[in-house]
N, C-alpha and C. Protein backbone atom coordinates (compact mmCIF):
# COMPACT_ATOMS: atom_id res chain seq x y z
N UNK A 1 57.49 46.83 -73.02
CA UNK A 1 57.85 47.82 -74.01
C UNK A 1 58.69 48.89 -73.34
N UNK A 2 59.73 49.31 -74.01
CA UNK A 2 60.61 50.34 -73.49
C UNK A 2 60.32 51.65 -74.22
N UNK A 3 60.23 52.73 -73.47
CA UNK A 3 59.96 54.04 -74.05
C UNK A 3 61.03 55.00 -73.55
N UNK A 4 61.63 55.75 -74.48
CA UNK A 4 62.63 56.73 -74.09
C UNK A 4 61.95 57.99 -73.58
N UNK A 5 62.41 58.50 -72.45
CA UNK A 5 61.94 59.77 -71.91
C UNK A 5 63.19 60.57 -71.61
N UNK A 6 63.55 61.44 -72.51
CA UNK A 6 64.79 62.16 -72.37
C UNK A 6 65.93 61.19 -72.57
N UNK A 7 66.78 61.05 -71.58
CA UNK A 7 67.89 60.12 -71.67
C UNK A 7 67.59 58.82 -70.94
N UNK A 8 66.46 58.73 -70.25
CA UNK A 8 66.12 57.54 -69.50
C UNK A 8 65.21 56.64 -70.33
N UNK A 9 65.34 55.36 -70.10
CA UNK A 9 64.46 54.39 -70.74
C UNK A 9 63.54 53.82 -69.67
N UNK A 10 62.24 53.82 -69.93
CA UNK A 10 61.27 53.38 -68.94
C UNK A 10 60.54 52.13 -69.44
N UNK A 11 60.45 51.14 -68.60
CA UNK A 11 59.69 49.94 -68.93
C UNK A 11 58.23 50.23 -68.60
N UNK A 12 57.45 50.52 -69.63
CA UNK A 12 56.05 50.92 -69.45
C UNK A 12 55.24 49.79 -68.84
N UNK A 13 55.57 48.56 -69.15
CA UNK A 13 54.82 47.42 -68.63
C UNK A 13 54.93 47.33 -67.10
N UNK A 14 56.13 47.49 -66.57
CA UNK A 14 56.33 47.42 -65.12
C UNK A 14 55.59 48.57 -64.43
N UNK A 15 55.74 49.77 -64.96
CA UNK A 15 55.06 50.93 -64.38
C UNK A 15 53.55 50.77 -64.48
N UNK A 16 53.06 50.32 -65.63
CA UNK A 16 51.62 50.12 -65.82
C UNK A 16 51.04 49.06 -64.91
N UNK A 17 51.77 47.95 -64.76
CA UNK A 17 51.31 46.88 -63.88
C UNK A 17 51.29 47.35 -62.42
N UNK A 18 52.34 48.06 -62.02
CA UNK A 18 52.40 48.56 -60.64
C UNK A 18 51.26 49.55 -60.38
N UNK A 19 50.98 50.41 -61.37
CA UNK A 19 49.88 51.35 -61.22
C UNK A 19 48.55 50.61 -61.10
N UNK A 20 48.35 49.59 -61.92
CA UNK A 20 47.10 48.83 -61.88
C UNK A 20 46.91 48.17 -60.51
N UNK A 21 47.96 47.60 -59.97
CA UNK A 21 47.88 46.94 -58.66
C UNK A 21 47.57 47.97 -57.57
N UNK A 22 48.35 49.06 -57.56
CA UNK A 22 48.18 50.08 -56.51
C UNK A 22 46.82 50.77 -56.61
N UNK A 23 46.43 51.15 -57.82
CA UNK A 23 45.15 51.86 -57.96
C UNK A 23 43.97 50.96 -57.62
N UNK A 24 44.04 49.70 -57.97
CA UNK A 24 42.98 48.76 -57.62
C UNK A 24 42.82 48.67 -56.11
N UNK A 25 43.94 48.53 -55.41
CA UNK A 25 43.89 48.45 -53.94
C UNK A 25 43.33 49.75 -53.35
N UNK A 26 43.85 50.88 -53.82
CA UNK A 26 43.42 52.17 -53.25
C UNK A 26 41.96 52.48 -53.58
N UNK A 27 41.48 52.03 -54.71
CA UNK A 27 40.05 52.21 -55.03
C UNK A 27 39.18 51.36 -54.10
N UNK A 28 39.63 50.14 -53.85
CA UNK A 28 38.85 49.25 -52.97
C UNK A 28 38.80 49.75 -51.53
N UNK A 29 39.86 50.44 -51.11
CA UNK A 29 39.87 50.98 -49.75
C UNK A 29 39.21 52.35 -49.66
N UNK A 30 38.88 52.93 -50.81
CA UNK A 30 38.24 54.23 -50.82
C UNK A 30 39.21 55.40 -50.77
N UNK A 31 40.50 55.14 -50.89
CA UNK A 31 41.50 56.20 -50.81
C UNK A 31 41.51 57.07 -52.07
N UNK A 32 41.12 56.48 -53.21
CA UNK A 32 40.98 57.26 -54.44
C UNK A 32 39.62 56.94 -55.05
N UNK A 33 39.16 57.87 -55.87
CA UNK A 33 37.84 57.73 -56.50
C UNK A 33 37.83 56.56 -57.48
N UNK A 34 36.68 55.93 -57.59
CA UNK A 34 36.50 54.80 -58.50
C UNK A 34 36.11 55.32 -59.88
N UNK A 35 37.10 55.84 -60.61
CA UNK A 35 36.88 56.37 -61.96
C UNK A 35 37.87 55.74 -62.92
N UNK A 36 37.67 56.00 -64.19
CA UNK A 36 38.60 55.51 -65.21
C UNK A 36 39.79 56.45 -65.38
N UNK A 37 39.71 57.64 -64.79
CA UNK A 37 40.79 58.62 -64.92
C UNK A 37 42.01 58.17 -64.13
N UNK A 38 43.17 58.47 -64.67
CA UNK A 38 44.43 58.14 -63.99
C UNK A 38 44.63 59.08 -62.82
N UNK A 39 45.00 58.53 -61.69
CA UNK A 39 45.32 59.34 -60.52
C UNK A 39 46.76 59.81 -60.67
N UNK A 40 46.94 61.07 -61.05
CA UNK A 40 48.27 61.60 -61.35
C UNK A 40 49.24 61.54 -60.17
N UNK A 41 48.81 61.90 -58.94
CA UNK A 41 49.76 61.80 -57.82
C UNK A 41 50.28 60.38 -57.60
N UNK A 42 49.42 59.39 -57.74
CA UNK A 42 49.85 58.00 -57.59
C UNK A 42 50.82 57.61 -58.69
N UNK A 43 50.52 57.97 -59.92
CA UNK A 43 51.40 57.67 -61.04
C UNK A 43 52.76 58.34 -60.86
N UNK A 44 52.76 59.58 -60.38
CA UNK A 44 54.03 60.28 -60.15
C UNK A 44 54.88 59.57 -59.11
N UNK A 45 54.26 59.06 -58.06
CA UNK A 45 55.00 58.30 -57.04
C UNK A 45 55.61 57.06 -57.65
N UNK A 46 54.85 56.34 -58.45
CA UNK A 46 55.34 55.10 -59.07
C UNK A 46 56.50 55.39 -60.02
N UNK A 47 56.36 56.42 -60.83
CA UNK A 47 57.44 56.77 -61.77
C UNK A 47 58.69 57.19 -61.01
N UNK A 48 58.53 57.96 -59.94
CA UNK A 48 59.68 58.38 -59.14
C UNK A 48 60.39 57.16 -58.54
N UNK A 49 59.64 56.24 -57.96
CA UNK A 49 60.25 55.04 -57.39
C UNK A 49 60.94 54.20 -58.46
N UNK A 50 60.33 54.12 -59.64
CA UNK A 50 60.93 53.37 -60.75
C UNK A 50 62.26 54.00 -61.16
N UNK A 51 62.27 55.31 -61.27
CA UNK A 51 63.49 56.03 -61.65
C UNK A 51 64.60 55.87 -60.61
N UNK A 52 64.21 55.66 -59.37
CA UNK A 52 65.21 55.46 -58.30
C UNK A 52 65.73 54.03 -58.27
N UNK A 53 65.18 53.16 -59.14
CA UNK A 53 65.75 51.83 -59.27
C UNK A 53 64.87 50.66 -58.90
N UNK A 54 63.66 50.90 -58.43
CA UNK A 54 62.77 49.78 -58.08
C UNK A 54 62.15 49.24 -59.37
N UNK A 55 62.47 48.00 -59.70
CA UNK A 55 62.01 47.42 -60.96
C UNK A 55 60.96 46.31 -60.77
N UNK A 56 60.77 45.84 -59.54
CA UNK A 56 59.80 44.78 -59.28
C UNK A 56 58.42 45.41 -59.11
N UNK A 57 57.47 44.97 -59.94
CA UNK A 57 56.15 45.62 -59.94
C UNK A 57 55.39 45.48 -58.62
N UNK A 58 55.56 44.38 -57.92
CA UNK A 58 54.87 44.20 -56.64
C UNK A 58 55.45 45.13 -55.57
N UNK A 59 56.79 45.15 -55.47
CA UNK A 59 57.42 46.06 -54.50
C UNK A 59 57.14 47.51 -54.87
N UNK A 60 57.15 47.80 -56.15
CA UNK A 60 56.86 49.14 -56.62
C UNK A 60 55.45 49.57 -56.21
N UNK A 61 54.48 48.70 -56.42
CA UNK A 61 53.10 48.99 -56.04
C UNK A 61 52.96 49.15 -54.53
N UNK A 62 53.58 48.26 -53.76
CA UNK A 62 53.48 48.33 -52.29
C UNK A 62 54.11 49.60 -51.74
N UNK A 63 55.26 49.98 -52.26
CA UNK A 63 55.91 51.22 -51.81
C UNK A 63 55.09 52.44 -52.19
N UNK A 64 54.52 52.41 -53.38
CA UNK A 64 53.69 53.53 -53.83
C UNK A 64 52.43 53.65 -52.97
N UNK A 65 51.82 52.53 -52.64
CA UNK A 65 50.64 52.54 -51.77
C UNK A 65 51.00 53.13 -50.41
N UNK A 66 52.09 52.68 -49.83
CA UNK A 66 52.51 53.17 -48.51
C UNK A 66 52.77 54.67 -48.55
N UNK A 67 53.47 55.12 -49.57
CA UNK A 67 53.78 56.55 -49.67
C UNK A 67 52.51 57.36 -49.93
N UNK A 68 51.64 56.85 -50.80
CA UNK A 68 50.39 57.55 -51.11
C UNK A 68 49.52 57.67 -49.88
N UNK A 69 49.37 56.58 -49.13
CA UNK A 69 48.55 56.63 -47.91
C UNK A 69 49.17 57.54 -46.86
N UNK A 70 50.48 57.58 -46.74
CA UNK A 70 51.13 58.44 -45.76
C UNK A 70 50.89 59.91 -46.09
N UNK A 71 50.92 60.26 -47.35
CA UNK A 71 50.69 61.65 -47.77
C UNK A 71 49.23 62.02 -47.59
N UNK A 72 48.33 61.10 -47.89
CA UNK A 72 46.89 61.36 -47.77
C UNK A 72 46.45 61.55 -46.32
N UNK A 73 47.16 60.93 -45.37
CA UNK A 73 46.80 61.04 -43.96
C UNK A 73 47.22 62.36 -43.34
N UNK A 74 48.19 63.02 -43.96
CA UNK A 74 48.72 64.26 -43.39
C UNK A 74 47.79 65.40 -43.65
């Protein structure tokens, strides 16, 4: 599904799938809490990467995980 956000069109399915993959991994490793609430910082990273042109959900999730873990370690 495509959703307009301002002048940009976002594929919600790709972003949602990438978030599901990344959040599942990060929950299993204990990096984020195991709740039903959306982790806003993780979602922001995924949306930013998507806007920069990453459209593959697996690469999007992997890059988001790497960036999220790098920020959490600092």
